[in-house]
Amino acid sequence: MRRKFSLKKLPKSSREMTTALFLLRCVEIGINISELDLLTIGMVLDIWTEKSNDGVKYSKAAGQAEFDRF
């Protein structure tokens, strides 16, 4: 059976997480090797995701009334 391989670029969210990619994410957010003992992979990915959201501008910020209703 032959498989066809696509040369199409995958979107960022569907890339396989490799060790090299994980370490690159750590470098991007300023985490060094000794700090990795204190963090889980999920924590590192959450920090990286939040860093990428830092530039997002929201039209309205929630106030105390919105939090109370929540």
N, C-alpha and C. Protein backbone atom coordinates (compact mmCIF):
# COMPACT_ATOMS: atom_id res chain seq x y z
N MET A 1 0.83 -1.18 0.00
CA MET A 1 0.00 0.00 0.00
C MET A 1 0.88 1.25 0.00
N ARG A 2 0.58 2.16 -0.88
CA ARG A 2 1.35 3.40 -0.95
C ARG A 2 0.64 4.51 -0.20
N ARG A 3 1.41 5.30 0.49
CA ARG A 3 0.86 6.46 1.19
C ARG A 3 1.30 7.72 0.46
N LYS A 4 0.39 8.65 0.34
CA LYS A 4 0.74 9.94 -0.24
C LYS A 4 1.07 10.91 0.88
N PHE A 5 2.20 11.56 0.77
CA PHE A 5 2.60 12.53 1.76
C PHE A 5 2.41 13.93 1.18
N SER A 6 1.79 14.75 1.95
CA SER A 6 1.53 16.11 1.52
C SER A 6 2.68 17.03 1.93
N LEU A 7 3.01 17.96 1.07
CA LEU A 7 4.04 18.94 1.37
C LEU A 7 3.42 20.19 1.96
N LYS A 8 2.11 20.13 2.20
CA LYS A 8 1.40 21.28 2.75
C LYS A 8 1.89 21.57 4.16
N LYS A 9 2.07 22.87 4.47
CA LYS A 9 2.48 23.27 5.81
C LYS A 9 1.33 23.09 6.78
N LEU A 10 1.61 22.52 7.92
CA LEU A 10 0.59 22.35 8.94
C LEU A 10 0.42 23.63 9.74
N PRO A 11 -0.81 23.92 10.18
CA PRO A 11 -0.99 25.08 11.06
C PRO A 11 -0.25 24.88 12.36
N LYS A 12 0.09 25.99 13.04
CA LYS A 12 0.87 25.92 14.27
C LYS A 12 0.27 24.97 15.30
N SER A 13 -1.06 24.96 15.42
CA SER A 13 -1.69 24.17 16.46
C SER A 13 -1.61 22.67 16.22
N SER A 14 -1.29 22.25 15.00
CA SER A 14 -1.26 20.82 14.72
C SER A 14 0.16 20.28 14.58
N ARG A 15 1.15 21.07 14.92
CA ARG A 15 2.53 20.58 14.87
C ARG A 15 2.78 19.64 16.03
N GLU A 16 3.54 18.60 15.77
CA GLU A 16 3.89 17.64 16.81
C GLU A 16 4.89 18.29 17.78
N MET A 17 4.65 18.12 19.07
CA MET A 17 5.56 18.68 20.08
C MET A 17 6.75 17.74 20.23
N THR A 18 7.89 18.22 19.81
CA THR A 18 9.13 17.46 19.95
C THR A 18 9.94 18.06 21.10
N THR A 19 10.97 17.37 21.50
CA THR A 19 11.84 17.88 22.55
C THR A 19 12.47 19.21 22.13
N ALA A 20 12.92 19.27 20.89
CA ALA A 20 13.54 20.50 20.41
C ALA A 20 12.55 21.66 20.41
N LEU A 21 11.31 21.41 19.98
CA LEU A 21 10.29 22.45 19.97
C LEU A 21 9.95 22.89 21.39
N PHE A 22 9.87 21.94 22.31
CA PHE A 22 9.59 22.27 23.70
C PHE A 22 10.69 23.14 24.29
N LEU A 23 11.94 22.79 24.04
CA LEU A 23 13.06 23.58 24.55
C LEU A 23 13.11 24.97 23.90
N LEU A 24 12.71 25.06 22.64
CA LEU A 24 12.62 26.35 21.98
C LEU A 24 11.57 27.22 22.66
N ARG A 25 10.43 26.64 22.99
CA ARG A 25 9.38 27.38 23.71
C ARG A 25 9.91 27.87 25.05
N CYS A 26 10.69 27.04 25.74
CA CYS A 26 11.26 27.44 27.04
C CYS A 26 12.19 28.64 26.86
N VAL A 27 13.04 28.61 25.84
CA VAL A 27 13.96 29.72 25.59
C VAL A 27 13.17 30.98 25.25
N GLU A 28 12.10 30.86 24.47
CA GLU A 28 11.29 32.02 24.08
C GLU A 28 10.68 32.74 25.28
N ILE A 29 10.36 31.98 26.33
CA ILE A 29 9.75 32.61 27.51
C ILE A 29 10.74 32.81 28.65
N GLY A 30 12.01 32.47 28.44
CA GLY A 30 13.05 32.76 29.42
C GLY A 30 13.17 31.74 30.54
N ILE A 31 12.78 30.51 30.30
CA ILE A 31 12.92 29.46 31.32
C ILE A 31 14.23 28.72 31.08
N ASN A 32 15.04 28.60 32.12
CA ASN A 32 16.29 27.86 31.95
C ASN A 32 16.13 26.42 32.43
N ILE A 33 17.13 25.60 32.17
CA ILE A 33 17.05 24.16 32.44
C ILE A 33 16.80 23.87 33.92
N SER A 34 17.44 24.60 34.81
CA SER A 34 17.26 24.32 36.24
C SER A 34 15.82 24.62 36.70
N GLU A 35 15.16 25.56 36.05
CA GLU A 35 13.77 25.87 36.41
C GLU A 35 12.79 24.83 35.91
N LEU A 36 13.18 24.02 34.92
CA LEU A 36 12.28 23.01 34.38
C LEU A 36 11.95 21.93 35.40
N ASP A 37 12.81 21.74 36.40
CA ASP A 37 12.52 20.77 37.46
C ASP A 37 11.29 21.18 38.26
N LEU A 38 10.98 22.47 38.27
CA LEU A 38 9.88 22.99 39.08
C LEU A 38 8.57 23.12 38.30
N LEU A 39 8.61 22.90 36.98
CA LEU A 39 7.44 23.11 36.13
C LEU A 39 7.06 21.84 35.39
N THR A 40 5.77 21.73 35.07
CA THR A 40 5.32 20.63 34.22
C THR A 40 5.30 21.12 32.77
N ILE A 41 5.17 20.18 31.85
CA ILE A 41 5.07 20.55 30.44
C ILE A 41 3.85 21.44 30.23
N GLY A 42 2.75 21.10 30.88
CA GLY A 42 1.53 21.89 30.75
C GLY A 42 1.71 23.32 31.23
N MET A 43 2.44 23.50 32.32
CA MET A 43 2.70 24.86 32.83
C MET A 43 3.50 25.68 31.82
N VAL A 44 4.52 25.05 31.23
CA VAL A 44 5.35 25.75 30.25
C VAL A 44 4.50 26.14 29.04
N LEU A 45 3.66 25.24 28.57
CA LEU A 45 2.82 25.54 27.41
C LEU A 45 1.79 26.62 27.74
N ASP A 46 1.26 26.62 28.96
CA ASP A 46 0.34 27.67 29.38
C ASP A 46 1.03 29.04 29.41
N ILE A 47 2.24 29.07 29.95
CA ILE A 47 3.00 30.32 29.99
C ILE A 47 3.28 30.82 28.58
N TRP A 48 3.66 29.91 27.68
CA TRP A 48 3.95 30.29 26.31
C TRP A 48 2.70 30.81 25.61
N THR A 49 1.55 30.17 25.86
CA THR A 49 0.29 30.62 25.27
C THR A 49 -0.08 32.01 25.78
N GLU A 50 0.05 32.23 27.08
CA GLU A 50 -0.26 33.54 27.64
C GLU A 50 0.67 34.62 27.09
N LYS A 51 1.94 34.27 26.88
CA LYS A 51 2.89 35.23 26.30
C LYS A 51 2.45 35.64 24.91
N SER A 52 1.95 34.68 24.13
CA SER A 52 1.50 35.02 22.78
C SER A 52 0.23 35.86 22.78
N ASN A 53 -0.53 35.83 23.87
CA ASN A 53 -1.75 36.63 23.99
C ASN A 53 -1.48 38.02 24.55
N ASP A 54 -0.26 38.33 24.95
CA ASP A 54 0.06 39.62 25.56
C ASP A 54 -0.23 40.80 24.63
N GLY A 55 -0.09 40.62 23.34
CA GLY A 55 -0.28 41.71 22.41
C GLY A 55 -1.72 41.96 22.01
N VAL A 56 -2.65 41.13 22.48
CA VAL A 56 -4.05 41.27 22.10
C VAL A 56 -4.67 42.46 22.81
N LYS A 57 -5.34 43.29 22.05
CA LYS A 57 -6.03 44.45 22.61
C LYS A 57 -7.53 44.14 22.68
N TYR A 58 -8.11 44.28 23.84
CA TYR A 58 -9.53 44.03 24.02
C TYR A 58 -10.28 45.36 24.00
N SER A 59 -11.47 45.34 23.42
CA SER A 59 -12.23 46.58 23.30
C SER A 59 -12.77 47.04 24.65
N LYS A 60 -13.02 46.11 25.56
CA LYS A 60 -13.53 46.48 26.87
C LYS A 60 -12.98 45.51 27.92
N ALA A 61 -12.53 46.06 29.01
CA ALA A 61 -12.05 45.22 30.11
C ALA A 61 -13.19 45.03 31.10
N ALA A 62 -13.30 43.85 31.68
CA ALA A 62 -14.35 43.57 32.65
C ALA A 62 -14.10 44.34 33.94
N GLY A 63 -15.16 44.84 34.51
CA GLY A 63 -15.08 45.55 35.79
C GLY A 63 -15.62 44.67 36.91
N GLN A 64 -15.73 45.22 38.10
CA GLN A 64 -16.19 44.46 39.25
C GLN A 64 -17.62 43.97 39.04
N ALA A 65 -18.48 44.77 38.42
CA ALA A 65 -19.88 44.37 38.20
C ALA A 65 -19.96 43.11 37.33
N GLU A 66 -19.11 43.04 36.29
CA GLU A 66 -19.10 41.86 35.43
C GLU A 66 -18.62 40.62 36.19
N PHE A 67 -17.61 40.80 37.03
CA PHE A 67 -17.13 39.67 37.83
C PHE A 67 -18.17 39.21 38.83
N ASP A 68 -18.91 40.15 39.42
CA ASP A 68 -19.96 39.79 40.36
C ASP A 68 -21.06 38.99 39.66
N ARG A 69 -21.43 39.38 38.46
CA ARG A 69 -22.45 38.65 37.70
C ARG A 69 -21.95 37.28 37.30
N PHE A 70 -20.65 37.15 37.07
CA PHE A 70 -20.09 35.87 36.67
C PHE A 70 -20.21 34.87 37.79
